[in-house]
Amino acid sequence: MQNQEKILLTINEFSRITGIGEKTARRLSHVRGFPALRVGRRIMIHRQAADKWLADCAAHQDNCLPSLH
């Protein structure tokens, strides 16, 4: 199954697809409202919801992203 067919992505897959670092993706998964869920010990990200969340965040520039340092 290719990544564009998957509904849930691992941190590593999400990082590769978006081009952000794995550490930043992991930190982003803990931001309130970001569409990530824990399945056992793994963090999974809902691909379509994350795309929409990031697009909304970028469009509104409403400080939806805290400092991820």
PDB file of N, CA and C in Angstrom:
ATOM      1  N   MET A   1       0.853  -1.187   0.000  1.00  0.00           N
ATOM      2  CA  MET A   1       0.000   0.000   0.000  1.00  0.00           C
ATOM      3  C   MET A   1       0.890   1.240   0.000  1.00  0.00           C
ATOM      4  N   GLN A   2       0.613   2.177  -0.869  1.00  0.00           N
ATOM      5  CA  GLN A   2       1.397   3.397  -0.946  1.00  0.00           C
ATOM      6  C   GLN A   2       0.890   4.418   0.059  1.00  0.00           C
ATOM      7  N   ASN A   3       1.765   5.377   0.397  1.00  0.00           N
ATOM      8  CA  ASN A   3       1.421   6.368   1.415  1.00  0.00           C
ATOM      9  C   ASN A   3       0.170   7.156   1.075  1.00  0.00           C
ATOM     10  N   GLN A   4      -0.068   7.492  -0.216  1.00  0.00           N
ATOM     11  CA  GLN A   4      -1.241   8.303  -0.530  1.00  0.00           C
ATOM     12  C   GLN A   4      -2.543   7.535  -0.329  1.00  0.00           C
ATOM     13  N   GLU A   5      -2.472   6.232  -0.171  1.00  0.00           N
ATOM     14  CA  GLU A   5      -3.669   5.435   0.063  1.00  0.00           C
ATOM     15  C   GLU A   5      -3.944   5.235   1.556  1.00  0.00           C
ATOM     16  N   LYS A   6      -2.966   5.495   2.375  1.00  0.00           N
ATOM     17  CA  LYS A   6      -3.113   5.251   3.806  1.00  0.00           C
ATOM     18  C   LYS A   6      -3.907   6.375   4.469  1.00  0.00           C
ATOM     19  N   ILE A   7      -4.714   6.000   5.427  1.00  0.00           N
ATOM     20  CA  ILE A   7      -5.485   6.978   6.196  1.00  0.00           C
ATOM     21  C   ILE A   7      -4.642   7.495   7.355  1.00  0.00           C
ATOM     22  N   LEU A   8      -3.972   6.587   8.061  1.00  0.00           N
ATOM     23  CA  LEU A   8      -3.133   6.950   9.198  1.00  0.00           C
ATOM     24  C   LEU A   8      -1.663   6.784   8.822  1.00  0.00           C
ATOM     25  N   LEU A   9      -0.869   7.749   9.240  1.00  0.00           N
ATOM     26  CA  LEU A   9       0.562   7.726   8.968  1.00  0.00           C
ATOM     27  C   LEU A   9       1.336   7.681  10.275  1.00  0.00           C
ATOM     28  N   THR A  10       2.466   7.018  10.248  1.00  0.00           N
ATOM     29  CA  THR A  10       3.368   7.051  11.396  1.00  0.00           C
ATOM     30  C   THR A  10       4.082   8.407  11.390  1.00  0.00           C
ATOM     31  N   ILE A  11       4.751   8.718  12.462  1.00  0.00           N
ATOM     32  CA  ILE A  11       5.539   9.954  12.537  1.00  0.00           C
ATOM     33  C   ILE A  11       6.563   9.984  11.405  1.00  0.00           C
ATOM     34  N   ASN A  12       7.242   8.872  11.181  1.00  0.00           N
ATOM     35  CA  ASN A  12       8.259   8.792  10.141  1.00  0.00           C
ATOM     36  C   ASN A  12       7.662   9.051   8.755  1.00  0.00           C
ATOM     37  N   GLU A  13       6.537   8.429   8.442  1.00  0.00           N
ATOM     38  CA  GLU A  13       5.882   8.628   7.140  1.00  0.00           C
ATOM     39  C   GLU A  13       5.436  10.076   6.977  1.00  0.00           C
ATOM     40  N   PHE A  14       4.817  10.625   8.021  1.00  0.00           N
ATOM     41  CA  PHE A  14       4.348  12.010   7.970  1.00  0.00           C
ATOM     42  C   PHE A  14       5.518  12.959   7.759  1.00  0.00           C
ATOM     43  N   SER A  15       6.612  12.687   8.418  1.00  0.00           N
ATOM     44  CA  SER A  15       7.808  13.505   8.291  1.00  0.00           C
ATOM     45  C   SER A  15       8.331  13.486   6.852  1.00  0.00           C
ATOM     46  N   ARG A  16       8.404  12.302   6.253  1.00  0.00           N
ATOM     47  CA  ARG A  16       8.884  12.188   4.876  1.00  0.00           C
ATOM     48  C   ARG A  16       7.959  12.883   3.884  1.00  0.00           C
ATOM     49  N   ILE A  17       6.658  12.728   4.066  1.00  0.00           N
ATOM     50  CA  ILE A  17       5.690  13.304   3.134  1.00  0.00           C
ATOM     51  C   ILE A  17       5.685  14.827   3.216  1.00  0.00           C
ATOM     52  N   THR A  18       5.745  15.371   4.411  1.00  0.00           N
ATOM     53  CA  THR A  18       5.655  16.823   4.579  1.00  0.00           C
ATOM     54  C   THR A  18       6.995  17.525   4.440  1.00  0.00           C
ATOM     55  N   GLY A  19       8.071  16.785   4.638  1.00  0.00           N
ATOM     56  CA  GLY A  19       9.393  17.390   4.550  1.00  0.00           C
ATOM     57  C   GLY A  19       9.865  18.033   5.841  1.00  0.00           C
ATOM     58  N   ILE A  20       9.111  17.844   6.920  1.00  0.00           N
ATOM     59  CA  ILE A  20       9.567  18.367   8.209  1.00  0.00           C
ATOM     60  C   ILE A  20      10.369  17.278   8.918  1.00  0.00           C
ATOM     61  N   GLY A  21      11.162  17.656   9.861  1.00  0.00           N
ATOM     62  CA  GLY A  21      11.967  16.687  10.587  1.00  0.00           C
ATOM     63  C   GLY A  21      11.113  15.772  11.453  1.00  0.00           C
ATOM     64  N   GLU A  22      11.637  14.601  11.711  1.00  0.00           N
ATOM     65  CA  GLU A  22      10.907  13.628  12.521  1.00  0.00           C
ATOM     66  C   GLU A  22      10.679  14.148  13.937  1.00  0.00           C
ATOM     67  N   LYS A  23      11.671  14.818  14.494  1.00  0.00           N
ATOM     68  CA  LYS A  23      11.533  15.366  15.844  1.00  0.00           C
ATOM     69  C   LYS A  23      10.449  16.449  15.881  1.00  0.00           C
ATOM     70  N   THR A  24      10.411  17.293  14.861  1.00  0.00           N
ATOM     71  CA  THR A  24       9.383  18.336  14.782  1.00  0.00           C
ATOM     72  C   THR A  24       8.004  17.718  14.595  1.00  0.00           C
ATOM     73  N   ALA A  25       7.899  16.677  13.785  1.00  0.00           N
ATOM     74  CA  ALA A  25       6.621  15.990  13.581  1.00  0.00           C
ATOM     75  C   ALA A  25       6.130  15.391  14.892  1.00  0.00           C
ATOM     76  N   ARG A  26       7.046  14.822  15.652  1.00  0.00           N
ATOM     77  CA  ARG A  26       6.670  14.239  16.952  1.00  0.00           C
ATOM     78  C   ARG A  26       6.167  15.333  17.905  1.00  0.00           C
ATOM     79  N   ARG A  27       6.849  16.466  17.914  1.00  0.00           N
ATOM     80  CA  ARG A  27       6.407  17.580  18.774  1.00  0.00           C
ATOM     81  C   ARG A  27       5.057  18.119  18.306  1.00  0.00           C
ATOM     82  N   LEU A  28       4.883  18.211  16.996  1.00  0.00           N
ATOM     83  CA  LEU A  28       3.624  18.693  16.438  1.00  0.00           C
ATOM     84  C   LEU A  28       2.463  17.784  16.843  1.00  0.00           C
ATOM     85  N   SER A  29       2.727  16.494  16.954  1.00  0.00           N
ATOM     86  CA  SER A  29       1.667  15.546  17.307  1.00  0.00           C
ATOM     87  C   SER A  29       1.114  15.789  18.709  1.00  0.00           C
ATOM     88  N   HIS A  30       1.829  16.553  19.528  1.00  0.00           N
ATOM     89  CA  HIS A  30       1.383  16.853  20.888  1.00  0.00           C
ATOM     90  C   HIS A  30       0.671  18.202  20.997  1.00  0.00           C
ATOM     91  N   VAL A  31       0.587  18.937  19.881  1.00  0.00           N
ATOM     92  CA  VAL A  31      -0.091  20.238  19.884  1.00  0.00           C
ATOM     93  C   VAL A  31      -1.598  20.015  19.974  1.00  0.00           C
ATOM     94  N   ARG A  32      -2.241  20.738  20.862  1.00  0.00           N
ATOM     95  CA  ARG A  32      -3.697  20.607  21.046  1.00  0.00           C
ATOM     96  C   ARG A  32      -4.412  20.882  19.725  1.00  0.00           C
ATOM     97  N   GLY A  33      -5.309  19.977  19.361  1.00  0.00           N
ATOM     98  CA  GLY A  33      -6.089  20.126  18.145  1.00  0.00           C
ATOM     99  C   GLY A  33      -5.484  19.434  16.930  1.00  0.00           C
ATOM    100  N   PHE A  34      -4.210  19.057  17.003  1.00  0.00           N
ATOM    101  CA  PHE A  34      -3.593  18.374  15.868  1.00  0.00           C
ATOM    102  C   PHE A  34      -4.120  16.937  15.812  1.00  0.00           C
ATOM    103  N   PRO A  35      -4.478  16.448  14.629  1.00  0.00           N
ATOM    104  CA  PRO A  35      -5.142  15.137  14.499  1.00  0.00           C
ATOM    105  C   PRO A  35      -4.198  13.936  14.615  1.00  0.00           C
ATOM    106  N   ALA A  36      -3.696  13.720  15.801  1.00  0.00           N
ATOM    107  CA  ALA A  36      -2.836  12.571  16.058  1.00  0.00           C
ATOM    108  C   ALA A  36      -3.466  11.726  17.157  1.00  0.00           C
ATOM    109  N   LEU A  37      -3.242  10.433  17.081  1.00  0.00           N
ATOM    110  CA  LEU A  37      -3.744   9.555  18.120  1.00  0.00           C
ATOM    111  C   LEU A  37      -2.699   8.509  18.437  1.00  0.00           C
ATOM    112  N   ARG A  38      -2.803   7.974  19.612  1.00  0.00           N
ATOM    113  CA  ARG A  38      -1.860   6.963  20.057  1.00  0.00           C
ATOM    114  C   ARG A  38      -2.514   5.601  19.880  1.00  0.00           C
ATOM    115  N   VAL A  39      -1.789   4.718  19.195  1.00  0.00           N
ATOM    116  CA  VAL A  39      -2.223   3.338  19.012  1.00  0.00           C
ATOM    117  C   VAL A  39      -1.138   2.472  19.655  1.00  0.00           C
ATOM    118  N   GLY A  40      -1.421   2.013  20.857  1.00  0.00           N
ATOM    119  CA  GLY A  40      -0.374   1.333  21.615  1.00  0.00           C
ATOM    120  C   GLY A  40       0.704   2.349  21.955  1.00  0.00           C
ATOM    121  N   ARG A  41       1.933   2.058  21.550  1.00  0.00           N
ATOM    122  CA  ARG A  41       3.034   2.989  21.794  1.00  0.00           C
ATOM    123  C   ARG A  41       3.296   3.894  20.600  1.00  0.00           C
ATOM    124  N   ARG A  42       2.612   3.638  19.502  1.00  0.00           N
ATOM    125  CA  ARG A  42       2.847   4.404  18.276  1.00  0.00           C
ATOM    126  C   ARG A  42       1.925   5.609  18.194  1.00  0.00           C
ATOM    127  N   ILE A  43       2.450   6.693  17.652  1.00  0.00           N
ATOM    128  CA  ILE A  43       1.645   7.875  17.381  1.00  0.00           C
ATOM    129  C   ILE A  43       1.279   7.829  15.907  1.00  0.00           C
ATOM    130  N   MET A  44       0.001   7.901  15.622  1.00  0.00           N
ATOM    131  CA  MET A  44      -0.490   7.866  14.249  1.00  0.00           C
ATOM    132  C   MET A  44      -1.163   9.203  13.932  1.00  0.00           C
ATOM    133  N   ILE A  45      -0.978   9.663  12.709  1.00  0.00           N
ATOM    134  CA  ILE A  45      -1.514  10.952  12.284  1.00  0.00           C
ATOM    135  C   ILE A  45      -2.501  10.715  11.153  1.00  0.00           C
ATOM    136  N   HIS A  46      -3.710  11.266  11.299  1.00  0.00           N
ATOM    137  CA  HIS A  46      -4.729  11.160  10.260  1.00  0.00           C
ATOM    138  C   HIS A  46      -4.330  12.092   9.121  1.00  0.00           C
ATOM    139  N   ARG A  47      -4.013  11.510   7.984  1.00  0.00           N
ATOM    140  CA  ARG A  47      -3.418  12.270   6.880  1.00  0.00           C
ATOM    141  C   ARG A  47      -4.292  13.422   6.400  1.00  0.00           C
ATOM    142  N   GLN A  48      -5.543  13.168   6.034  1.00  0.00           N
ATOM    143  CA  GLN A  48      -6.405  14.226   5.495  1.00  0.00           C
ATOM    144  C   GLN A  48      -6.692  15.305   6.530  1.00  0.00           C
ATOM    145  N   ALA A  49      -6.919  14.901   7.764  1.00  0.00           N
ATOM    146  CA  ALA A  49      -7.192  15.876   8.819  1.00  0.00           C
ATOM    147  C   ALA A  49      -5.960  16.735   9.097  1.00  0.00           C
ATOM    148  N   ALA A  50      -4.777  16.121   9.039  1.00  0.00           N
ATOM    149  CA  ALA A  50      -3.539  16.878   9.261  1.00  0.00           C
ATOM    150  C   ALA A  50      -3.309  17.876   8.126  1.00  0.00           C
ATOM    151  N   ASP A  51      -3.579  17.457   6.890  1.00  0.00           N
ATOM    152  CA  ASP A  51      -3.454  18.368   5.747  1.00  0.00           C
ATOM    153  C   ASP A  51      -4.356  19.580   5.930  1.00  0.00           C
ATOM    154  N   LYS A  52      -5.612  19.324   6.336  1.00  0.00           N
ATOM    155  CA  LYS A  52      -6.575  20.419   6.540  1.00  0.00           C
ATOM    156  C   LYS A  52      -6.137  21.302   7.703  1.00  0.00           C
ATOM    157  N   TRP A  53      -5.702  20.692   8.793  1.00  0.00           N
ATOM    158  CA  TRP A  53      -5.273  21.442   9.977  1.00  0.00           C
ATOM    159  C   TRP A  53      -4.107  22.354   9.629  1.00  0.00           C
ATOM    160  N   LEU A  54      -3.117  21.827   8.913  1.00  0.00           N
ATOM    161  CA  LEU A  54      -1.956  22.628   8.532  1.00  0.00           C
ATOM    162  C   LEU A  54      -2.331  23.740   7.561  1.00  0.00           C
ATOM    163  N   ALA A  55      -3.233  23.447   6.605  1.00  0.00           N
ATOM    164  CA  ALA A  55      -3.680  24.463   5.648  1.00  0.00           C
ATOM    165  C   ALA A  55      -4.435  25.576   6.370  1.00  0.00           C
ATOM    166  N   ASP A  56      -5.320  25.205   7.287  1.00  0.00           N
ATOM    167  CA  ASP A  56      -6.064  26.205   8.064  1.00  0.00           C
ATOM    168  C   ASP A  56      -5.113  27.050   8.900  1.00  0.00           C
ATOM    169  N   CYS A  57      -4.149  26.418   9.499  1.00  0.00           N
ATOM    170  CA  CYS A  57      -3.172  27.114  10.328  1.00  0.00           C
ATOM    171  C   CYS A  57      -2.386  28.116   9.478  1.00  0.00           C
ATOM    172  N   ALA A  58      -1.937  27.677   8.313  1.00  0.00           N
ATOM    173  CA  ALA A  58      -1.156  28.547   7.430  1.00  0.00           C
ATOM    174  C   ALA A  58      -2.004  29.690   6.883  1.00  0.00           C
ATOM    175  N   ALA A  59      -3.258  29.409   6.563  1.00  0.00           N
ATOM    176  CA  ALA A  59      -4.136  30.424   5.971  1.00  0.00           C
ATOM    177  C   ALA A  59      -4.505  31.513   6.959  1.00  0.00           C
ATOM    178  N   HIS A  60      -4.710  31.134   8.206  1.00  0.00           N
ATOM    179  CA  HIS A  60      -5.185  32.104   9.188  1.00  0.00           C
ATOM    180  C   HIS A  60      -4.069  32.770   9.980  1.00  0.00           C
ATOM    181  N   GLN A  61      -2.904  32.166   9.985  1.00  0.00           N
ATOM    182  CA  GLN A  61      -1.780  32.735  10.726  1.00  0.00           C
ATOM    183  C   GLN A  61      -2.191  33.151  12.132  1.00  0.00           C
ATOM    184  N   ASP A  62      -2.970  32.293  12.783  1.00  0.00           N
ATOM    185  CA  ASP A  62      -3.538  32.654  14.089  1.00  0.00           C
ATOM    186  C   ASP A  62      -2.777  32.049  15.267  1.00  0.00           C
ATOM    187  N   ASN A  63      -1.506  31.887  15.094  1.00  0.00           N
ATOM    188  CA  ASN A  63      -0.666  31.355  16.176  1.00  0.00           C
ATOM    189  C   ASN A  63      -1.136  29.988  16.655  1.00  0.00           C
ATOM    190  N   CYS A  64      -1.583  29.145  15.742  1.00  0.00           N
ATOM    191  CA  CYS A  64      -2.021  27.800  16.140  1.00  0.00           C
ATOM    192  C   CYS A  64      -0.838  26.899  16.449  1.00  0.00           C
ATOM    193  N   LEU A  65       0.357  27.321  16.040  1.00  0.00           N
ATOM    194  CA  LEU A  65       1.554  26.535  16.337  1.00  0.00           C
ATOM    195  C   LEU A  65       2.372  27.205  17.421  1.00  0.00           C
ATOM    196  N   PRO A  66       2.507  26.553  18.549  1.00  0.00           N
ATOM    197  CA  PRO A  66       3.406  27.102  19.568  1.00  0.00           C
ATOM    198  C   PRO A  66       4.847  26.895  19.118  1.00  0.00           C
ATOM    199  N   SER A  67       5.759  27.425  19.811  1.00  0.00           N
ATOM    200  CA  SER A  67       7.170  27.188  19.512  1.00  0.00           C
ATOM    201  C   SER A  67       7.435  25.690  19.675  1.00  0.00           C
ATOM    202  N   LEU A  68       8.020  25.074  18.658  1.00  0.00           N
ATOM    203  CA  LEU A  68       8.262  23.633  18.699  1.00  0.00           C
ATOM    204  C   LEU A  68       9.712  23.328  19.037  1.00  0.00           C
ATOM    205  N   HIS A  69      10.398  24.254  19.671  1.00  0.00           N
ATOM    206  CA  HIS A  69      11.808  24.035  20.021  1.00  0.00           C
ATOM    207  C   HIS A  69      11.902  23.193  21.261  1.00  0.00           C
TER     208      HIS A  69
END
